[in-house]
Structures are given as C-alpha cells and as structure tokens.
N, C-alpha and C. Protein backbone atom coordinates (compact mmCIF):
# COMPACT_ATOMS: atom_id res chain seq x y z
N UNK A 1 236.91 184.52 52.10
CA UNK A 1 237.50 185.65 52.80
C UNK A 1 238.42 186.40 51.84
N UNK A 2 238.29 187.69 51.80
CA UNK A 2 239.08 188.50 50.88
C UNK A 2 240.40 188.92 51.53
N UNK A 3 241.42 189.06 50.68
CA UNK A 3 242.72 189.54 51.14
C UNK A 3 242.83 191.05 51.01
N UNK A 4 241.77 191.69 50.59
CA UNK A 4 241.79 193.14 50.41
C UNK A 4 241.93 193.85 51.76
N UNK A 5 242.65 194.95 51.73
CA UNK A 5 242.83 195.77 52.93
C UNK A 5 241.99 197.03 52.77
N UNK A 6 241.23 197.35 53.79
CA UNK A 6 240.38 198.54 53.75
C UNK A 6 241.00 199.67 54.56
N UNK A 7 240.81 200.89 54.07
CA UNK A 7 241.23 202.07 54.82
C UNK A 7 240.23 202.35 55.95
N UNK A 8 238.96 202.01 55.69
CA UNK A 8 237.86 202.29 56.63
C UNK A 8 236.95 201.08 56.68
N UNK A 9 236.44 200.77 57.86
CA UNK A 9 235.47 199.70 58.01
C UNK A 9 234.14 200.31 58.47
N UNK A 10 233.08 199.99 57.76
CA UNK A 10 231.76 200.52 58.06
C UNK A 10 230.85 199.37 58.48
N UNK A 11 230.48 199.35 59.75
CA UNK A 11 229.64 198.28 60.31
C UNK A 11 228.18 198.71 60.27
N UNK A 12 227.39 198.05 59.42
CA UNK A 12 225.96 198.36 59.33
C UNK A 12 225.12 197.18 59.79
N UNK A 13 225.71 196.27 60.55
CA UNK A 13 224.98 195.09 61.01
C UNK A 13 223.73 195.51 61.79
N UNK A 14 222.62 194.82 61.53
CA UNK A 14 221.37 195.09 62.22
C UNK A 14 220.51 196.16 61.56
N UNK A 15 221.07 196.88 60.59
CA UNK A 15 220.32 197.93 59.91
C UNK A 15 219.65 197.38 58.66
N UNK A 16 218.50 197.92 58.34
CA UNK A 16 217.73 197.49 57.16
C UNK A 16 217.73 198.57 56.10
N UNK A 17 217.48 198.16 54.87
CA UNK A 17 217.39 199.05 53.73
C UNK A 17 216.42 200.21 54.07
N UNK A 18 216.82 201.43 53.80
CA UNK A 18 217.95 201.92 53.02
C UNK A 18 219.14 202.37 53.88
N UNK A 19 219.10 202.11 55.18
CA UNK A 19 220.13 202.65 56.08
C UNK A 19 221.57 202.27 55.73
N UNK A 20 221.87 201.00 55.38
CA UNK A 20 223.28 200.68 55.05
C UNK A 20 223.82 201.52 53.89
N UNK A 21 223.01 201.70 52.84
CA UNK A 21 223.48 202.48 51.69
C UNK A 21 223.58 203.96 52.04
N UNK A 22 222.66 204.45 52.86
CA UNK A 22 222.74 205.86 53.29
C UNK A 22 224.01 206.09 54.10
N UNK A 23 224.34 205.17 54.99
CA UNK A 23 225.58 205.30 55.78
C UNK A 23 226.81 205.21 54.88
N UNK A 24 226.77 204.31 53.90
CA UNK A 24 227.88 204.18 52.95
C UNK A 24 228.06 205.48 52.17
N UNK A 25 226.98 206.05 51.72
CA UNK A 25 227.05 207.30 50.95
C UNK A 25 227.69 208.41 51.79
N UNK A 26 227.28 208.53 53.05
CA UNK A 26 227.87 209.54 53.95
C UNK A 26 229.35 209.29 54.17
N UNK A 27 229.73 208.01 54.34
CA UNK A 27 231.13 207.68 54.58
C UNK A 27 231.99 207.97 53.35
N UNK A 28 231.50 207.60 52.19
CA UNK A 28 232.28 207.80 50.96
C UNK A 28 232.55 209.27 50.71
N UNK A 29 231.60 210.13 51.06
CA UNK A 29 231.81 211.57 50.88
C UNK A 29 233.02 212.07 51.66
N UNK A 30 233.32 211.45 52.79
CA UNK A 30 234.44 211.87 53.65
C UNK A 30 235.78 211.31 53.18
N UNK A 31 235.75 210.34 52.28
CA UNK A 31 236.96 209.62 51.88
C UNK A 31 237.67 210.31 50.72
N UNK A 32 238.95 210.01 50.58
CA UNK A 32 239.73 210.48 49.43
C UNK A 32 239.56 209.50 48.27
N UNK A 33 239.67 210.00 47.05
CA UNK A 33 239.60 209.16 45.87
C UNK A 33 240.66 208.06 45.99
N UNK A 34 240.27 206.82 45.72
CA UNK A 34 241.19 205.69 45.77
C UNK A 34 241.18 204.94 47.09
N UNK A 35 240.61 205.54 48.14
CA UNK A 35 240.53 204.83 49.42
C UNK A 35 239.50 203.71 49.32
N UNK A 36 239.70 202.69 50.16
CA UNK A 36 238.83 201.52 50.15
C UNK A 36 238.05 201.45 51.46
N UNK A 37 236.74 201.19 51.34
CA UNK A 37 235.89 201.00 52.51
C UNK A 37 235.38 199.56 52.48
N UNK A 38 235.40 198.93 53.65
CA UNK A 38 234.81 197.60 53.81
C UNK A 38 233.48 197.79 54.52
N UNK A 39 232.41 197.29 53.91
CA UNK A 39 231.08 197.39 54.49
C UNK A 39 230.69 196.01 55.04
N UNK A 40 230.23 195.98 56.27
CA UNK A 40 229.76 194.76 56.91
C UNK A 40 228.27 194.94 57.14
N UNK A 41 227.46 194.03 56.59
CA UNK A 41 226.00 194.18 56.66
C UNK A 41 225.33 192.84 56.97
N UNK A 42 224.11 192.92 57.48
CA UNK A 42 223.31 191.72 57.72
C UNK A 42 222.02 191.74 56.91
N UNK A 43 221.73 192.83 56.24
CA UNK A 43 220.52 192.94 55.42
C UNK A 43 220.78 192.32 54.04
N UNK A 44 220.04 191.26 53.67
CA UNK A 44 220.25 190.64 52.36
C UNK A 44 220.05 191.61 51.19
N UNK A 45 219.28 192.66 51.39
CA UNK A 45 219.06 193.64 50.32
C UNK A 45 220.35 194.34 49.90
N UNK A 46 221.36 194.33 50.76
CA UNK A 46 222.63 194.98 50.40
C UNK A 46 223.29 194.27 49.22
N UNK A 47 222.99 192.99 49.01
CA UNK A 47 223.56 192.27 47.86
C UNK A 47 223.07 192.87 46.55
N UNK A 48 221.94 193.52 46.56
CA UNK A 48 221.42 194.21 45.39
C UNK A 48 221.77 195.70 45.44
N UNK A 49 221.61 196.29 46.62
CA UNK A 49 221.72 197.74 46.76
C UNK A 49 223.15 198.27 46.60
N UNK A 50 224.12 197.60 47.18
CA UNK A 50 225.49 198.13 47.12
C UNK A 50 226.07 198.03 45.71
N UNK A 51 225.92 196.91 44.98
CA UNK A 51 226.37 196.93 43.57
C UNK A 51 225.67 198.01 42.74
N UNK A 52 224.37 198.23 42.99
CA UNK A 52 223.66 199.29 42.26
C UNK A 52 224.21 200.66 42.61
N UNK A 53 224.54 200.88 43.87
CA UNK A 53 225.15 202.12 44.33
C UNK A 53 226.44 202.38 43.55
N UNK A 54 227.25 201.33 43.39
CA UNK A 54 228.52 201.48 42.67
C UNK A 54 228.30 201.76 41.19
N UNK A 55 227.28 201.17 40.60
CA UNK A 55 226.99 201.43 39.19
C UNK A 55 226.49 202.85 38.97
N UNK A 56 225.65 203.33 39.89
CA UNK A 56 225.06 204.66 39.77
C UNK A 56 226.09 205.75 39.99
N UNK A 57 226.97 205.54 40.95
CA UNK A 57 228.03 206.50 41.27
C UNK A 57 229.36 205.92 40.80
N UNK A 58 230.36 206.74 40.65
CA UNK A 58 231.62 206.25 40.07
C UNK A 58 232.54 205.55 41.08
N UNK A 59 232.02 204.52 41.75
CA UNK A 59 232.83 203.78 42.71
C UNK A 59 232.99 202.35 42.22
N UNK A 60 234.10 201.73 42.59
CA UNK A 60 234.40 200.38 42.11
C UNK A 60 234.13 199.35 43.21
N UNK A 61 233.29 198.38 42.91
CA UNK A 61 233.07 197.26 43.82
C UNK A 61 234.20 196.28 43.59
N UNK A 62 235.13 196.21 44.53
CA UNK A 62 236.31 195.37 44.38
C UNK A 62 236.00 193.90 44.66
N UNK A 63 235.14 193.67 45.66
CA UNK A 63 234.84 192.30 46.05
C UNK A 63 233.59 192.30 46.92
N UNK A 64 232.90 191.16 46.92
CA UNK A 64 231.79 190.96 47.86
C UNK A 64 231.75 189.48 48.22
N UNK A 65 231.29 189.21 49.42
CA UNK A 65 231.19 187.82 49.86
C UNK A 65 230.15 187.71 50.97
N UNK A 66 229.76 186.49 51.26
CA UNK A 66 228.80 186.21 52.33
C UNK A 66 229.44 185.18 53.25
N UNK A 67 229.44 185.49 54.55
CA UNK A 67 229.99 184.58 55.55
C UNK A 67 229.01 184.49 56.70
N UNK A 68 228.38 183.33 56.87
CA UNK A 68 227.44 183.13 57.98
C UNK A 68 226.38 184.23 58.06
N UNK A 69 225.73 184.51 56.94
CA UNK A 69 224.67 185.52 56.85
C UNK A 69 225.14 186.94 57.14
N UNK A 70 226.44 187.17 57.00
CA UNK A 70 227.01 188.51 57.07
C UNK A 70 227.54 188.82 55.67
N UNK A 71 227.15 189.97 55.15
CA UNK A 71 227.51 190.37 53.79
C UNK A 71 228.67 191.36 53.87
N UNK A 72 229.71 191.08 53.11
CA UNK A 72 230.93 191.90 53.12
C UNK A 72 231.16 192.48 51.74
N UNK A 73 231.51 193.76 51.70
CA UNK A 73 231.76 194.46 50.44
C UNK A 73 233.01 195.32 50.60
N UNK A 74 233.83 195.35 49.56
CA UNK A 74 234.98 196.25 49.52
C UNK A 74 234.78 197.17 48.32
N UNK A 75 234.75 198.48 48.57
CA UNK A 75 234.54 199.46 47.52
C UNK A 75 235.69 200.45 47.50
N UNK A 76 236.08 200.82 46.29
CA UNK A 76 237.10 201.87 46.14
C UNK A 76 236.40 203.13 45.65
N UNK A 77 236.68 204.24 46.34
CA UNK A 77 236.06 205.50 45.95
C UNK A 77 236.61 205.96 44.60
N UNK A 78 235.68 206.27 43.71
CA UNK A 78 236.04 206.79 42.40
C UNK A 78 235.99 208.31 42.40
N UNK A 79 236.32 208.86 41.23
CA UNK A 79 236.27 210.32 41.09
C UNK A 79 234.87 210.73 40.72
N UNK A 80 234.50 211.89 41.12
CA UNK A 80 233.16 212.41 40.83
C UNK A 80 233.28 213.61 39.96
C-alpha cells in the first residue's frame, strides 16, 4: 500500500485495454502540472500500458502496486 496522496482518483475497474489509458489521457489533460492522479484498474494490461504512457508523455509514474488483482498507479502530471 502506498502512502502517496492523490489529487484525483480515477476508477477504471472492469474496463479493458485501451479504455483505462484513454480515460487516463482525458483526465490528465484536465489536471494542472504537478498534480497526482491515482488510477485503479482490473485489466492486467495496465501494468504494461500505463508505464508506457508515462514514458511516451512527460508524466512521472510515482508508484504502482497490485492488491488482490487490482492494479494501482500514482502518476504526476508533467509539463508538455
């Protein structure tokens, strides 16, 4: 369990690739630089897709974990 605090929580449980990343992309556009979003997902593909999203775009993956088949990610919005 992470001690990170998120400004926004994005629940994508039950959604399959590419929907979680599409929702994350829409959410990040609305956020201010430096804000943190916590993504909650159940699609195992997010373990690959969300780190790739952060590498492709200037966002920082602060932490990720798996708890009972739920995937958790904390991302900080970078500058574009």
